[in-house]
Amino acid sequence: MSMLGMFVESLSGHDRGTVYAVIGETDGRLCLCDGRLHKLDKPKLKNYRHVRQLPTKDASLPQKIAGHQPVTDAEIRRSIKKVVMEQAMQEGGKTLV
């Protein structure tokens, strides 16, 4: 199953708890972008086992990424912010970032 366009949370490493958008997959690793530190031109590579997929209601960004349409770092930042806010509401105010 492809995770392209999905949102994930890092479970291990110094970036534990950081939310990323999956912008690609290569050699058993995910190419992750957060629009700030890891931008589209230099994504972070992370093993599948070290992330957890987040449930999301924001389908616009995943559809654009999966459809290979142009996406900007600003769009990724906005979408990640929405996802983090949704998660915080579901978990009773606890933030992920």
Protein backbone atom coordinates (compact mmCIF):
# COMPACT_ATOMS: atom_id res chain seq x y z
CA MET A 1 0.00 0.00 0.00
CA SER A 2 1.37 3.37 -0.98
CA MET A 3 1.57 6.05 1.69
CA LEU A 4 2.14 8.80 -0.86
CA GLY A 5 0.37 11.98 0.24
CA MET A 6 -0.40 10.70 3.76
CA PHE A 7 0.61 12.38 7.00
CA VAL A 8 2.87 10.55 9.45
CA GLU A 9 4.34 11.14 12.90
CA SER A 10 7.94 10.22 13.65
CA LEU A 11 8.20 7.57 16.38
CA SER A 12 11.96 7.42 16.79
CA GLY A 13 15.04 9.57 16.43
CA HIS A 14 15.75 13.15 17.41
CA ASP A 15 12.66 14.23 15.47
CA ARG A 16 10.28 12.05 17.52
CA GLY A 17 6.77 13.53 17.50
CA THR A 18 7.28 15.61 14.35
CA VAL A 19 4.52 15.45 11.74
CA TYR A 20 5.51 15.08 8.09
CA ALA A 21 3.81 14.69 4.71
CA VAL A 22 4.93 11.70 2.65
CA ILE A 23 6.05 13.01 -0.75
CA GLY A 24 7.75 9.89 -2.08
CA GLU A 25 8.97 6.36 -1.44
CA THR A 26 12.36 4.91 -2.31
CA ASP A 27 14.28 1.73 -1.39
CA GLY A 28 12.02 0.83 1.53
CA ARG A 29 12.13 4.35 2.94
CA LEU A 30 9.74 7.26 2.95
CA CYS A 31 10.63 10.72 1.65
CA LEU A 32 9.19 13.12 4.23
CA CYS A 33 8.65 16.86 4.10
CA ASP A 34 7.50 19.31 6.77
CA GLY A 35 7.86 22.50 4.70
CA ARG A 36 10.27 24.05 7.22
CA LEU A 37 13.40 22.11 8.06
CA HIS A 38 12.86 19.39 5.46
CA LYS A 39 11.57 21.11 2.35
CA LEU A 40 10.44 19.61 -0.95
CA ASP A 41 13.90 19.97 -2.51
CA LYS A 42 15.62 18.12 0.37
CA PRO A 43 13.23 15.63 2.01
CA LYS A 44 14.07 13.51 5.04
CA LEU A 45 14.39 9.77 4.47
CA LYS A 46 12.92 7.58 7.19
CA ASN A 47 12.18 3.87 7.56
CA TYR A 48 8.53 2.77 7.46
CA ARG A 49 8.88 1.19 10.91
CA HIS A 50 9.84 4.51 12.48
CA VAL A 51 6.65 6.38 11.60
CA ARG A 52 2.95 6.06 12.32
CA GLN A 53 0.27 7.09 9.85
CA LEU A 54 -2.10 9.76 11.13
CA PRO A 55 -5.81 9.74 10.40
CA THR A 56 -6.75 12.94 8.62
CA LYS A 57 -9.78 14.64 7.15
CA ASP A 58 -7.77 17.05 4.96
CA ALA A 59 -7.80 15.31 1.59
CA SER A 60 -6.67 18.19 -0.62
CA LEU A 61 -2.91 17.83 -0.12
CA PRO A 62 -2.80 14.01 -0.31
CA GLN A 63 -4.76 14.13 -3.56
CA LYS A 64 -2.38 16.71 -5.06
CA ILE A 65 0.73 14.76 -4.05
CA ALA A 66 -0.67 11.41 -5.20
CA GLY A 67 -1.78 13.02 -8.48
CA HIS A 68 1.72 14.45 -9.04
CA GLN A 69 0.41 18.03 -9.12
CA PRO A 70 2.69 20.88 -8.04
CA VAL A 71 2.76 21.46 -4.28
CA THR A 72 4.54 24.21 -2.33
CA ASP A 73 6.23 24.13 1.07
CA ALA A 74 3.63 26.64 2.31
CA GLU A 75 0.79 24.27 1.37
CA ILE A 76 2.50 21.46 3.24
CA ARG A 77 2.98 23.65 6.34
CA ARG A 78 -0.71 24.66 6.30
CA SER A 79 -1.90 21.08 5.90
CA ILE A 80 0.38 19.80 8.66
CA LYS A 81 -0.90 22.55 10.95
CA LYS A 82 -4.50 21.44 10.26
CA VAL A 83 -3.63 17.81 10.95
CA VAL A 84 -1.87 18.70 14.21
CA MET A 85 -4.86 20.78 15.33
CA GLU A 86 -7.26 17.91 14.51
CA GLN A 87 -5.10 15.50 16.51
CA ALA A 88 -4.96 17.90 19.46
CA MET A 89 -8.76 18.20 19.47
CA GLN A 90 -9.19 14.42 19.33
CA GLU A 91 -6.69 13.81 22.12
CA GLY A 92 -8.16 16.42 24.43
CA GLY A 93 -5.77 19.33 23.96
CA LYS A 94 -2.45 17.45 23.86
CA THR A 95 -0.27 18.76 21.01
CA LEU A 96 1.99 16.64 18.81
CA VAL A 97 4.49 19.30 17.80
